[in-house]
């Protein structure tokens, strides 16, 4: 799952993030 990250007060500019999640 690819989640776009936007500019925030302390955040990364233009970064993307893959968060692993497992469901059962």
PDBML (XML) file of the C-alpha atoms, coordinates in Angstrom:
<?xml version="1.0" encoding="UTF-8" ?>
<PDBx:datablock datablockName="MODEL"
   xmlns:PDBx="http://pdbml.pdb.org/schema/pdbx-v50.xsd"
   xmlns:xsi="http://www.w3.org/2001/XMLSchema-instance"
   xsi:schemaLocation="http://pdbml.pdb.org/schema/pdbx-v50.xsd pdbx-v50.xsd">
   <PDBx:atom_siteCategory>
      <PDBx:atom_site id="1">
         <PDBx:B_iso_or_equiv>0.00</PDBx:B_iso_or_equiv>
         <PDBx:Cartn_x>0.000</PDBx:Cartn_x>
         <PDBx:Cartn_y>0.000</PDBx:Cartn_y>
         <PDBx:Cartn_z>0.000</PDBx:Cartn_z>
         <PDBx:auth_asym_id>A</PDBx:auth_asym_id>
         <PDBx:auth_atom_id>CA</PDBx:auth_atom_id>
         <PDBx:auth_comp_id>UNK</PDBx:auth_comp_id>
         <PDBx:auth_seq_id>1</PDBx:auth_seq_id>
         <PDBx:group_PDB>ATOM</PDBx:group_PDB>
         <PDBx:label_alt_id xsi:nil="true" />
         <PDBx:label_asym_id>A</PDBx:label_asym_id>
         <PDBx:label_atom_id>CA</PDBx:label_atom_id>
         <PDBx:label_comp_id>UNK</PDBx:label_comp_id>
         <PDBx:label_entity_id>1</PDBx:label_entity_id>
         <PDBx:label_seq_id>1</PDBx:label_seq_id>
         <PDBx:occupancy>1.00</PDBx:occupancy>
         <PDBx:pdbx_PDB_model_num>1</PDBx:pdbx_PDB_model_num>
         <PDBx:type_symbol>C</PDBx:type_symbol>
      </PDBx:atom_site>
      <PDBx:atom_site id="2">
         <PDBx:B_iso_or_equiv>0.00</PDBx:B_iso_or_equiv>
         <PDBx:Cartn_x>1.629</PDBx:Cartn_x>
         <PDBx:Cartn_y>3.235</PDBx:Cartn_y>
         <PDBx:Cartn_z>-1.176</PDBx:Cartn_z>
         <PDBx:auth_asym_id>A</PDBx:auth_asym_id>
         <PDBx:auth_atom_id>CA</PDBx:auth_atom_id>
         <PDBx:auth_comp_id>UNK</PDBx:auth_comp_id>
         <PDBx:auth_seq_id>2</PDBx:auth_seq_id>
         <PDBx:group_PDB>ATOM</PDBx:group_PDB>
         <PDBx:label_alt_id xsi:nil="true" />
         <PDBx:label_asym_id>A</PDBx:label_asym_id>
         <PDBx:label_atom_id>CA</PDBx:label_atom_id>
         <PDBx:label_comp_id>UNK</PDBx:label_comp_id>
         <PDBx:label_entity_id>1</PDBx:label_entity_id>
         <PDBx:label_seq_id>2</PDBx:label_seq_id>
         <PDBx:occupancy>1.00</PDBx:occupancy>
         <PDBx:pdbx_PDB_model_num>1</PDBx:pdbx_PDB_model_num>
         <PDBx:type_symbol>C</PDBx:type_symbol>
      </PDBx:atom_site>
      <PDBx:atom_site id="3">
         <PDBx:B_iso_or_equiv>0.00</PDBx:B_iso_or_equiv>
         <PDBx:Cartn_x>0.704</PDBx:Cartn_x>
         <PDBx:Cartn_y>6.344</PDBx:Cartn_y>
         <PDBx:Cartn_z>0.748</PDBx:Cartn_z>
         <PDBx:auth_asym_id>A</PDBx:auth_asym_id>
         <PDBx:auth_atom_id>CA</PDBx:auth_atom_id>
         <PDBx:auth_comp_id>UNK</PDBx:auth_comp_id>
         <PDBx:auth_seq_id>3</PDBx:auth_seq_id>
         <PDBx:group_PDB>ATOM</PDBx:group_PDB>
         <PDBx:label_alt_id xsi:nil="true" />
         <PDBx:label_asym_id>A</PDBx:label_asym_id>
         <PDBx:label_atom_id>CA</PDBx:label_atom_id>
         <PDBx:label_comp_id>UNK</PDBx:label_comp_id>
         <PDBx:label_entity_id>1</PDBx:label_entity_id>
         <PDBx:label_seq_id>3</PDBx:label_seq_id>
         <PDBx:occupancy>1.00</PDBx:occupancy>
         <PDBx:pdbx_PDB_model_num>1</PDBx:pdbx_PDB_model_num>
         <PDBx:type_symbol>C</PDBx:type_symbol>
      </PDBx:atom_site>
      <PDBx:atom_site id="4">
         <PDBx:B_iso_or_equiv>0.00</PDBx:B_iso_or_equiv>
         <PDBx:Cartn_x>1.675</PDBx:Cartn_x>
         <PDBx:Cartn_y>9.811</PDBx:Cartn_y>
         <PDBx:Cartn_z>-0.467</PDBx:Cartn_z>
         <PDBx:auth_asym_id>A</PDBx:auth_asym_id>
         <PDBx:auth_atom_id>CA</PDBx:auth_atom_id>
         <PDBx:auth_comp_id>UNK</PDBx:auth_comp_id>
         <PDBx:auth_seq_id>4</PDBx:auth_seq_id>
         <PDBx:group_PDB>ATOM</PDBx:group_PDB>
         <PDBx:label_alt_id xsi:nil="true" />
         <PDBx:label_asym_id>A</PDBx:label_asym_id>
         <PDBx:label_atom_id>CA</PDBx:label_atom_id>
         <PDBx:label_comp_id>UNK</PDBx:label_comp_id>
         <PDBx:label_entity_id>1</PDBx:label_entity_id>
         <PDBx:label_seq_id>4</PDBx:label_seq_id>
         <PDBx:occupancy>1.00</PDBx:occupancy>
         <PDBx:pdbx_PDB_model_num>1</PDBx:pdbx_PDB_model_num>
         <PDBx:type_symbol>C</PDBx:type_symbol>
      </PDBx:atom_site>
      <PDBx:atom_site id="5">
         <PDBx:B_iso_or_equiv>0.00</PDBx:B_iso_or_equiv>
         <PDBx:Cartn_x>3.145</PDBx:Cartn_x>
         <PDBx:Cartn_y>12.163</PDBx:Cartn_y>
         <PDBx:Cartn_z>2.097</PDBx:Cartn_z>
         <PDBx:auth_asym_id>A</PDBx:auth_asym_id>
         <PDBx:auth_atom_id>CA</PDBx:auth_atom_id>
         <PDBx:auth_comp_id>UNK</PDBx:auth_comp_id>
         <PDBx:auth_seq_id>5</PDBx:auth_seq_id>
         <PDBx:group_PDB>ATOM</PDBx:group_PDB>
         <PDBx:label_alt_id xsi:nil="true" />
         <PDBx:label_asym_id>A</PDBx:label_asym_id>
         <PDBx:label_atom_id>CA</PDBx:label_atom_id>
         <PDBx:label_comp_id>UNK</PDBx:label_comp_id>
         <PDBx:label_entity_id>1</PDBx:label_entity_id>
         <PDBx:label_seq_id>5</PDBx:label_seq_id>
         <PDBx:occupancy>1.00</PDBx:occupancy>
         <PDBx:pdbx_PDB_model_num>1</PDBx:pdbx_PDB_model_num>
         <PDBx:type_symbol>C</PDBx:type_symbol>
      </PDBx:atom_site>
      <PDBx:atom_site id="6">
         <PDBx:B_iso_or_equiv>0.00</PDBx:B_iso_or_equiv>
         <PDBx:Cartn_x>2.529</PDBx:Cartn_x>
         <PDBx:Cartn_y>15.888</PDBx:Cartn_y>
         <PDBx:Cartn_z>1.870</PDBx:Cartn_z>
         <PDBx:auth_asym_id>A</PDBx:auth_asym_id>
         <PDBx:auth_atom_id>CA</PDBx:auth_atom_id>
         <PDBx:auth_comp_id>UNK</PDBx:auth_comp_id>
         <PDBx:auth_seq_id>6</PDBx:auth_seq_id>
         <PDBx:group_PDB>ATOM</PDBx:group_PDB>
         <PDBx:label_alt_id xsi:nil="true" />
         <PDBx:label_asym_id>A</PDBx:label_asym_id>
         <PDBx:label_atom_id>CA</PDBx:label_atom_id>
         <PDBx:label_comp_id>UNK</PDBx:label_comp_id>
         <PDBx:label_entity_id>1</PDBx:label_entity_id>
         <PDBx:label_seq_id>6</PDBx:label_seq_id>
         <PDBx:occupancy>1.00</PDBx:occupancy>
         <PDBx:pdbx_PDB_model_num>1</PDBx:pdbx_PDB_model_num>
         <PDBx:type_symbol>C</PDBx:type_symbol>
      </PDBx:atom_site>
      <PDBx:atom_site id="7">
         <PDBx:B_iso_or_equiv>0.00</PDBx:B_iso_or_equiv>
         <PDBx:Cartn_x>4.495</PDBx:Cartn_x>
         <PDBx:Cartn_y>18.776</PDBx:Cartn_y>
         <PDBx:Cartn_z>3.289</PDBx:Cartn_z>
         <PDBx:auth_asym_id>A</PDBx:auth_asym_id>
         <PDBx:auth_atom_id>CA</PDBx:auth_atom_id>
         <PDBx:auth_comp_id>UNK</PDBx:auth_comp_id>
         <PDBx:auth_seq_id>7</PDBx:auth_seq_id>
         <PDBx:group_PDB>ATOM</PDBx:group_PDB>
         <PDBx:label_alt_id xsi:nil="true" />
         <PDBx:label_asym_id>A</PDBx:label_asym_id>
         <PDBx:label_atom_id>CA</PDBx:label_atom_id>
         <PDBx:label_comp_id>UNK</PDBx:label_comp_id>
         <PDBx:label_entity_id>1</PDBx:label_entity_id>
         <PDBx:label_seq_id>7</PDBx:label_seq_id>
         <PDBx:occupancy>1.00</PDBx:occupancy>
         <PDBx:pdbx_PDB_model_num>1</PDBx:pdbx_PDB_model_num>
         <PDBx:type_symbol>C</PDBx:type_symbol>
      </PDBx:atom_site>
      <PDBx:atom_site id="8">
         <PDBx:B_iso_or_equiv>0.00</PDBx:B_iso_or_equiv>
         <PDBx:Cartn_x>3.819</PDBx:Cartn_x>
         <PDBx:Cartn_y>19.252</PDBx:Cartn_y>
         <PDBx:Cartn_z>6.992</PDBx:Cartn_z>
         <PDBx:auth_asym_id>A</PDBx:auth_asym_id>
         <PDBx:auth_atom_id>CA</PDBx:auth_atom_id>
         <PDBx:auth_comp_id>UNK</PDBx:auth_comp_id>
         <PDBx:auth_seq_id>8</PDBx:auth_seq_id>
         <PDBx:group_PDB>ATOM</PDBx:group_PDB>
         <PDBx:label_alt_id xsi:nil="true" />
         <PDBx:label_asym_id>A</PDBx:label_asym_id>
         <PDBx:label_atom_id>CA</PDBx:label_atom_id>
         <PDBx:label_comp_id>UNK</PDBx:label_comp_id>
         <PDBx:label_entity_id>1</PDBx:label_entity_id>
         <PDBx:label_seq_id>8</PDBx:label_seq_id>
         <PDBx:occupancy>1.00</PDBx:occupancy>
         <PDBx:pdbx_PDB_model_num>1</PDBx:pdbx_PDB_model_num>
         <PDBx:type_symbol>C</PDBx:type_symbol>
      </PDBx:atom_site>
      <PDBx:atom_site id="9">
         <PDBx:B_iso_or_equiv>0.00</PDBx:B_iso_or_equiv>
         <PDBx:Cartn_x>5.271</PDBx:Cartn_x>
         <PDBx:Cartn_y>21.343</PDBx:Cartn_y>
         <PDBx:Cartn_z>9.769</PDBx:Cartn_z>
         <PDBx:auth_asym_id>A</PDBx:auth_asym_id>
         <PDBx:auth_atom_id>CA</PDBx:auth_atom_id>
         <PDBx:auth_comp_id>UNK</PDBx:auth_comp_id>
         <PDBx:auth_seq_id>9</PDBx:auth_seq_id>
         <PDBx:group_PDB>ATOM</PDBx:group_PDB>
         <PDBx:label_alt_id xsi:nil="true" />
         <PDBx:label_asym_id>A</PDBx:label_asym_id>
         <PDBx:label_atom_id>CA</PDBx:label_atom_id>
         <PDBx:label_comp_id>UNK</PDBx:label_comp_id>
         <PDBx:label_entity_id>1</PDBx:label_entity_id>
         <PDBx:label_seq_id>9</PDBx:label_seq_id>
         <PDBx:occupancy>1.00</PDBx:occupancy>
         <PDBx:pdbx_PDB_model_num>1</PDBx:pdbx_PDB_model_num>
         <PDBx:type_symbol>C</PDBx:type_symbol>
      </PDBx:atom_site>
      <PDBx:atom_site id="10">
         <PDBx:B_iso_or_equiv>0.00</PDBx:B_iso_or_equiv>
         <PDBx:Cartn_x>7.970</PDBx:Cartn_x>
         <PDBx:Cartn_y>18.748</PDBx:Cartn_y>
         <PDBx:Cartn_z>10.478</PDBx:Cartn_z>
         <PDBx:auth_asym_id>A</PDBx:auth_asym_id>
         <PDBx:auth_atom_id>CA</PDBx:auth_atom_id>
         <PDBx:auth_comp_id>UNK</PDBx:auth_comp_id>
         <PDBx:auth_seq_id>10</PDBx:auth_seq_id>
         <PDBx:group_PDB>ATOM</PDBx:group_PDB>
         <PDBx:label_alt_id xsi:nil="true" />
         <PDBx:label_asym_id>A</PDBx:label_asym_id>
         <PDBx:label_atom_id>CA</PDBx:label_atom_id>
         <PDBx:label_comp_id>UNK</PDBx:label_comp_id>
         <PDBx:label_entity_id>1</PDBx:label_entity_id>
         <PDBx:label_seq_id>10</PDBx:label_seq_id>
         <PDBx:occupancy>1.00</PDBx:occupancy>
         <PDBx:pdbx_PDB_model_num>1</PDBx:pdbx_PDB_model_num>
         <PDBx:type_symbol>C</PDBx:type_symbol>
      </PDBx:atom_site>
      <PDBx:atom_site id="11">
         <PDBx:B_iso_or_equiv>0.00</PDBx:B_iso_or_equiv>
         <PDBx:Cartn_x>7.417</PDBx:Cartn_x>
         <PDBx:Cartn_y>16.303</PDBx:Cartn_y>
         <PDBx:Cartn_z>7.628</PDBx:Cartn_z>
         <PDBx:auth_asym_id>A</PDBx:auth_asym_id>
         <PDBx:auth_atom_id>CA</PDBx:auth_atom_id>
         <PDBx:auth_comp_id>UNK</PDBx:auth_comp_id>
         <PDBx:auth_seq_id>11</PDBx:auth_seq_id>
         <PDBx:group_PDB>ATOM</PDBx:group_PDB>
         <PDBx:label_alt_id xsi:nil="true" />
         <PDBx:label_asym_id>A</PDBx:label_asym_id>
         <PDBx:label_atom_id>CA</PDBx:label_atom_id>
         <PDBx:label_comp_id>UNK</PDBx:label_comp_id>
         <PDBx:label_entity_id>1</PDBx:label_entity_id>
         <PDBx:label_seq_id>11</PDBx:label_seq_id>
         <PDBx:occupancy>1.00</PDBx:occupancy>
         <PDBx:pdbx_PDB_model_num>1</PDBx:pdbx_PDB_model_num>
         <PDBx:type_symbol>C</PDBx:type_symbol>
      </PDBx:atom_site>
      <PDBx:atom_site id="12">
         <PDBx:B_iso_or_equiv>0.00</PDBx:B_iso_or_equiv>
         <PDBx:Cartn_x>9.325</PDBx:Cartn_x>
         <PDBx:Cartn_y>15.168</PDBx:Cartn_y>
         <PDBx:Cartn_z>4.562</PDBx:Cartn_z>
         <PDBx:auth_asym_id>A</PDBx:auth_asym_id>
         <PDBx:auth_atom_id>CA</PDBx:auth_atom_id>
         <PDBx:auth_comp_id>UNK</PDBx:auth_comp_id>
         <PDBx:auth_seq_id>12</PDBx:auth_seq_id>
         <PDBx:group_PDB>ATOM</PDBx:group_PDB>
         <PDBx:label_alt_id xsi:nil="true" />
         <PDBx:label_asym_id>A</PDBx:label_asym_id>
         <PDBx:label_atom_id>CA</PDBx:label_atom_id>
         <PDBx:label_comp_id>UNK</PDBx:label_comp_id>
         <PDBx:label_entity_id>1</PDBx:label_entity_id>
         <PDBx:label_seq_id>12</PDBx:label_seq_id>
         <PDBx:occupancy>1.00</PDBx:occupancy>
         <PDBx:pdbx_PDB_model_num>1</PDBx:pdbx_PDB_model_num>
         <PDBx:type_symbol>C</PDBx:type_symbol>
      </PDBx:atom_site>
      <PDBx:atom_site id="13">
         <PDBx:B_iso_or_equiv>0.00</PDBx:B_iso_or_equiv>
         <PDBx:Cartn_x>8.659</PDBx:Cartn_x>
         <PDBx:Cartn_y>17.014</PDBx:Cartn_y>
         <PDBx:Cartn_z>1.309</PDBx:Cartn_z>
         <PDBx:auth_asym_id>A</PDBx:auth_asym_id>
         <PDBx:auth_atom_id>CA</PDBx:auth_atom_id>
         <PDBx:auth_comp_id>UNK</PDBx:auth_comp_id>
         <PDBx:auth_seq_id>13</PDBx:auth_seq_id>
         <PDBx:group_PDB>ATOM</PDBx:group_PDB>
         <PDBx:label_alt_id xsi:nil="true" />
         <PDBx:label_asym_id>A</PDBx:label_asym_id>
         <PDBx:label_atom_id>CA</PDBx:label_atom_id>
         <PDBx:label_comp_id>UNK</PDBx:label_comp_id>
         <PDBx:label_entity_id>1</PDBx:label_entity_id>
         <PDBx:label_seq_id>13</PDBx:label_seq_id>
         <PDBx:occupancy>1.00</PDBx:occupancy>
         <PDBx:pdbx_PDB_model_num>1</PDBx:pdbx_PDB_model_num>
         <PDBx:type_symbol>C</PDBx:type_symbol>
      </PDBx:atom_site>
      <PDBx:atom_site id="14">
         <PDBx:B_iso_or_equiv>0.00</PDBx:B_iso_or_equiv>
         <PDBx:Cartn_x>7.572</PDBx:Cartn_x>
         <PDBx:Cartn_y>14.899</PDBx:Cartn_y>
         <PDBx:Cartn_z>-1.629</PDBx:Cartn_z>
         <PDBx:auth_asym_id>A</PDBx:auth_asym_id>
         <PDBx:auth_atom_id>CA</PDBx:auth_atom_id>
         <PDBx:auth_comp_id>UNK</PDBx:auth_comp_id>
         <PDBx:auth_seq_id>14</PDBx:auth_seq_id>
         <PDBx:group_PDB>ATOM</PDBx:group_PDB>
         <PDBx:label_alt_id xsi:nil="true" />
         <PDBx:label_asym_id>A</PDBx:label_asym_id>
         <PDBx:label_atom_id>CA</PDBx:label_atom_id>
         <PDBx:label_comp_id>UNK</PDBx:label_comp_id>
         <PDBx:label_entity_id>1</PDBx:label_entity_id>
         <PDBx:label_seq_id>14</PDBx:label_seq_id>
         <PDBx:occupancy>1.00</PDBx:occupancy>
         <PDBx:pdbx_PDB_model_num>1</PDBx:pdbx_PDB_model_num>
         <PDBx:type_symbol>C</PDBx:type_symbol>
      </PDBx:atom_site>
      <PDBx:atom_site id="15">
         <PDBx:B_iso_or_equiv>0.00</PDBx:B_iso_or_equiv>
         <PDBx:Cartn_x>8.258</PDBx:Cartn_x>
         <PDBx:Cartn_y>11.574</PDBx:Cartn_y>
         <PDBx:Cartn_z>0.097</PDBx:Cartn_z>
         <PDBx:auth_asym_id>A</PDBx:auth_asym_id>
         <PDBx:auth_atom_id>CA</PDBx:auth_atom_id>
         <PDBx:auth_comp_id>UNK</PDBx:auth_comp_id>
         <PDBx:auth_seq_id>15</PDBx:auth_seq_id>
         <PDBx:group_PDB>ATOM</PDBx:group_PDB>
         <PDBx:label_alt_id xsi:nil="true" />
         <PDBx:label_asym_id>A</PDBx:label_asym_id>
         <PDBx:label_atom_id>CA</PDBx:label_atom_id>
         <PDBx:label_comp_id>UNK</PDBx:label_comp_id>
         <PDBx:label_entity_id>1</PDBx:label_entity_id>
         <PDBx:label_seq_id>15</PDBx:label_seq_id>
         <PDBx:occupancy>1.00</PDBx:occupancy>
         <PDBx:pdbx_PDB_model_num>1</PDBx:pdbx_PDB_model_num>
         <PDBx:type_symbol>C</PDBx:type_symbol>
      </PDBx:atom_site>
      <PDBx:atom_site id="16">
         <PDBx:B_iso_or_equiv>0.00</PDBx:B_iso_or_equiv>
         <PDBx:Cartn_x>6.356</PDBx:Cartn_x>
         <PDBx:Cartn_y>8.339</PDBx:Cartn_y>
         <PDBx:Cartn_z>-0.341</PDBx:Cartn_z>
         <PDBx:auth_asym_id>A</PDBx:auth_asym_id>
         <PDBx:auth_atom_id>CA</PDBx:auth_atom_id>
         <PDBx:auth_comp_id>UNK</PDBx:auth_comp_id>
         <PDBx:auth_seq_id>16</PDBx:auth_seq_id>
         <PDBx:group_PDB>ATOM</PDBx:group_PDB>
         <PDBx:label_alt_id xsi:nil="true" />
         <PDBx:label_asym_id>A</PDBx:label_asym_id>
         <PDBx:label_atom_id>CA</PDBx:label_atom_id>
         <PDBx:label_comp_id>UNK</PDBx:label_comp_id>
         <PDBx:label_entity_id>1</PDBx:label_entity_id>
         <PDBx:label_seq_id>16</PDBx:label_seq_id>
         <PDBx:occupancy>1.00</PDBx:occupancy>
         <PDBx:pdbx_PDB_model_num>1</PDBx:pdbx_PDB_model_num>
         <PDBx:type_symbol>C</PDBx:type_symbol>
      </PDBx:atom_site>
      <PDBx:atom_site id="17">
         <PDBx:B_iso_or_equiv>0.00</PDBx:B_iso_or_equiv>
         <PDBx:Cartn_x>5.888</PDBx:Cartn_x>
         <PDBx:Cartn_y>5.586</PDBx:Cartn_y>
         <PDBx:Cartn_z>2.160</PDBx:Cartn_z>
         <PDBx:auth_asym_id>A</PDBx:auth_asym_id>
         <PDBx:auth_atom_id>CA</PDBx:auth_atom_id>
         <PDBx:auth_comp_id>UNK</PDBx:auth_comp_id>
         <PDBx:auth_seq_id>17</PDBx:auth_seq_id>
         <PDBx:group_PDB>ATOM</PDBx:group_PDB>
         <PDBx:label_alt_id xsi:nil="true" />
         <PDBx:label_asym_id>A</PDBx:label_asym_id>
         <PDBx:label_atom_id>CA</PDBx:label_atom_id>
         <PDBx:label_comp_id>UNK</PDBx:label_comp_id>
         <PDBx:label_entity_id>1</PDBx:label_entity_id>
         <PDBx:label_seq_id>17</PDBx:label_seq_id>
         <PDBx:occupancy>1.00</PDBx:occupancy>
         <PDBx:pdbx_PDB_model_num>1</PDBx:pdbx_PDB_model_num>
         <PDBx:type_symbol>C</PDBx:type_symbol>
      </PDBx:atom_site>
      <PDBx:atom_site id="18">
         <PDBx:B_iso_or_equiv>0.00</PDBx:B_iso_or_equiv>
         <PDBx:Cartn_x>5.041</PDBx:Cartn_x>
         <PDBx:Cartn_y>1.898</PDBx:Cartn_y>
         <PDBx:Cartn_z>2.126</PDBx:Cartn_z>
         <PDBx:auth_asym_id>A</PDBx:auth_asym_id>
         <PDBx:auth_atom_id>CA</PDBx:auth_atom_id>
         <PDBx:auth_comp_id>UNK</PDBx:auth_comp_id>
         <PDBx:auth_seq_id>18</PDBx:auth_seq_id>
         <PDBx:group_PDB>ATOM</PDBx:group_PDB>
         <PDBx:label_alt_id xsi:nil="true" />
         <PDBx:label_asym_id>A</PDBx:label_asym_id>
         <PDBx:label_atom_id>CA</PDBx:label_atom_id>
         <PDBx:label_comp_id>UNK</PDBx:label_comp_id>
         <PDBx:label_entity_id>1</PDBx:label_entity_id>
         <PDBx:label_seq_id>18</PDBx:label_seq_id>
         <PDBx:occupancy>1.00</PDBx:occupancy>
         <PDBx:pdbx_PDB_model_num>1</PDBx:pdbx_PDB_model_num>
         <PDBx:type_symbol>C</PDBx:type_symbol>
      </PDBx:atom_site>
      <PDBx:atom_site id="19">
         <PDBx:B_iso_or_equiv>0.00</PDBx:B_iso_or_equiv>
         <PDBx:Cartn_x>3.382</PDBx:Cartn_x>
         <PDBx:Cartn_y>0.765</PDBx:Cartn_y>
         <PDBx:Cartn_z>5.328</PDBx:Cartn_z>
         <PDBx:auth_asym_id>A</PDBx:auth_asym_id>
         <PDBx:auth_atom_id>CA</PDBx:auth_atom_id>
         <PDBx:auth_comp_id>UNK</PDBx:auth_comp_id>
         <PDBx:auth_seq_id>19</PDBx:auth_seq_id>
         <PDBx:group_PDB>ATOM</PDBx:group_PDB>
         <PDBx:label_alt_id xsi:nil="true" />
         <PDBx:label_asym_id>A</PDBx:label_asym_id>
         <PDBx:label_atom_id>CA</PDBx:label_atom_id>
         <PDBx:label_comp_id>UNK</PDBx:label_comp_id>
         <PDBx:label_entity_id>1</PDBx:label_entity_id>
         <PDBx:label_seq_id>19</PDBx:label_seq_id>
         <PDBx:occupancy>1.00</PDBx:occupancy>
         <PDBx:pdbx_PDB_model_num>1</PDBx:pdbx_PDB_model_num>
         <PDBx:type_symbol>C</PDBx:type_symbol>
      </PDBx:atom_site>
      <PDBx:atom_site id="20">
         <PDBx:B_iso_or_equiv>0.00</PDBx:B_iso_or_equiv>
         <PDBx:Cartn_x>3.077</PDBx:Cartn_x>
         <PDBx:Cartn_y>-2.971</PDBx:Cartn_y>
         <PDBx:Cartn_z>5.795</PDBx:Cartn_z>
         <PDBx:auth_asym_id>A</PDBx:auth_asym_id>
         <PDBx:auth_atom_id>CA</PDBx:auth_atom_id>
         <PDBx:auth_comp_id>UNK</PDBx:auth_comp_id>
         <PDBx:auth_seq_id>20</PDBx:auth_seq_id>
         <PDBx:group_PDB>ATOM</PDBx:group_PDB>
         <PDBx:label_alt_id xsi:nil="true" />
         <PDBx:label_asym_id>A</PDBx:label_asym_id>
         <PDBx:label_atom_id>CA</PDBx:label_atom_id>
         <PDBx:label_comp_id>UNK</PDBx:label_comp_id>
         <PDBx:label_entity_id>1</PDBx:label_entity_id>
         <PDBx:label_seq_id>20</PDBx:label_seq_id>
         <PDBx:occupancy>1.00</PDBx:occupancy>
         <PDBx:pdbx_PDB_model_num>1</PDBx:pdbx_PDB_model_num>
         <PDBx:type_symbol>C</PDBx:type_symbol>
      </PDBx:atom_site>
      <PDBx:atom_site id="21">
         <PDBx:B_iso_or_equiv>0.00</PDBx:B_iso_or_equiv>
         <PDBx:Cartn_x>-0.226</PDBx:Cartn_x>
         <PDBx:Cartn_y>-4.190</PDBx:Cartn_y>
         <PDBx:Cartn_z>7.206</PDBx:Cartn_z>
         <PDBx:auth_asym_id>A</PDBx:auth_asym_id>
         <PDBx:auth_atom_id>CA</PDBx:auth_atom_id>
         <PDBx:auth_comp_id>UNK</PDBx:auth_comp_id>
         <PDBx:auth_seq_id>21</PDBx:auth_seq_id>
         <PDBx:group_PDB>ATOM</PDBx:group_PDB>
         <PDBx:label_alt_id xsi:nil="true" />
         <PDBx:label_asym_id>A</PDBx:label_asym_id>
         <PDBx:label_atom_id>CA</PDBx:label_atom_id>
         <PDBx:label_comp_id>UNK</PDBx:label_comp_id>
         <PDBx:label_entity_id>1</PDBx:label_entity_id>
         <PDBx:label_seq_id>21</PDBx:label_seq_id>
         <PDBx:occupancy>1.00</PDBx:occupancy>
         <PDBx:pdbx_PDB_model_num>1</PDBx:pdbx_PDB_model_num>
         <PDBx:type_symbol>C</PDBx:type_symbol>
      </PDBx:atom_site>
      <PDBx:atom_site id="22">
         <PDBx:B_iso_or_equiv>0.00</PDBx:B_iso_or_equiv>
         <PDBx:Cartn_x>-1.417</PDBx:Cartn_x>
         <PDBx:Cartn_y>-7.723</PDBx:Cartn_y>
         <PDBx:Cartn_z>7.776</PDBx:Cartn_z>
         <PDBx:auth_asym_id>A</PDBx:auth_asym_id>
         <PDBx:auth_atom_id>CA</PDBx:auth_atom_id>
         <PDBx:auth_comp_id>UNK</PDBx:auth_comp_id>
         <PDBx:auth_seq_id>22</PDBx:auth_seq_id>
         <PDBx:group_PDB>ATOM</PDBx:group_PDB>
         <PDBx:label_alt_id xsi:nil="true" />
         <PDBx:label_asym_id>A</PDBx:label_asym_id>
         <PDBx:label_atom_id>CA</PDBx:label_atom_id>
         <PDBx:label_comp_id>UNK</PDBx:label_comp_id>
         <PDBx:label_entity_id>1</PDBx:label_entity_id>
         <PDBx:label_seq_id>22</PDBx:label_seq_id>
         <PDBx:occupancy>1.00</PDBx:occupancy>
         <PDBx:pdbx_PDB_model_num>1</PDBx:pdbx_PDB_model_num>
         <PDBx:type_symbol>C</PDBx:type_symbol>
      </PDBx:atom_site>
      <PDBx:atom_site id="23">
         <PDBx:B_iso_or_equiv>0.00</PDBx:B_iso_or_equiv>
         <PDBx:Cartn_x>-5.067</PDBx:Cartn_x>
         <PDBx:Cartn_y>-8.667</PDBx:Cartn_y>
         <PDBx:Cartn_z>8.168</PDBx:Cartn_z>
         <PDBx:auth_asym_id>A</PDBx:auth_asym_id>
         <PDBx:auth_atom_id>CA</PDBx:auth_atom_id>
         <PDBx:auth_comp_id>UNK</PDBx:auth_comp_id>
         <PDBx:auth_seq_id>23</PDBx:auth_seq_id>
         <PDBx:group_PDB>ATOM</PDBx:group_PDB>
         <PDBx:label_alt_id xsi:nil="true" />
         <PDBx:label_asym_id>A</PDBx:label_asym_id>
         <PDBx:label_atom_id>CA</PDBx:label_atom_id>
         <PDBx:label_comp_id>UNK</PDBx:label_comp_id>
         <PDBx:label_entity_id>1</PDBx:label_entity_id>
         <PDBx:label_seq_id>23</PDBx:label_seq_id>
         <PDBx:occupancy>1.00</PDBx:occupancy>
         <PDBx:pdbx_PDB_model_num>1</PDBx:pdbx_PDB_model_num>
         <PDBx:type_symbol>C</PDBx:type_symbol>
      </PDBx:atom_site>
      <PDBx:atom_site id="24">
         <PDBx:B_iso_or_equiv>0.00</PDBx:B_iso_or_equiv>
         <PDBx:Cartn_x>-6.624</PDBx:Cartn_x>
         <PDBx:Cartn_y>-11.971</PDBx:Cartn_y>
         <PDBx:Cartn_z>9.123</PDBx:Cartn_z>
         <PDBx:auth_asym_id>A</PDBx:auth_asym_id>
         <PDBx:auth_atom_id>CA</PDBx:auth_atom_id>
         <PDBx:auth_comp_id>UNK</PDBx:auth_comp_id>
         <PDBx:auth_seq_id>24</PDBx:auth_seq_id>
         <PDBx:group_PDB>ATOM</PDBx:group_PDB>
         <PDBx:label_alt_id xsi:nil="true" />
         <PDBx:label_asym_id>A</PDBx:label_asym_id>
         <PDBx:label_atom_id>CA</PDBx:label_atom_id>
         <PDBx:label_comp_id>UNK</PDBx:label_comp_id>
         <PDBx:label_entity_id>1</PDBx:label_entity_id>
         <PDBx:label_seq_id>24</PDBx:label_seq_id>
         <PDBx:occupancy>1.00</PDBx:occupancy>
         <PDBx:pdbx_PDB_model_num>1</PDBx:pdbx_PDB_model_num>
         <PDBx:type_symbol>C</PDBx:type_symbol>
      </PDBx:atom_site>
   </PDBx:atom_siteCategory>
</PDBx:datablock>
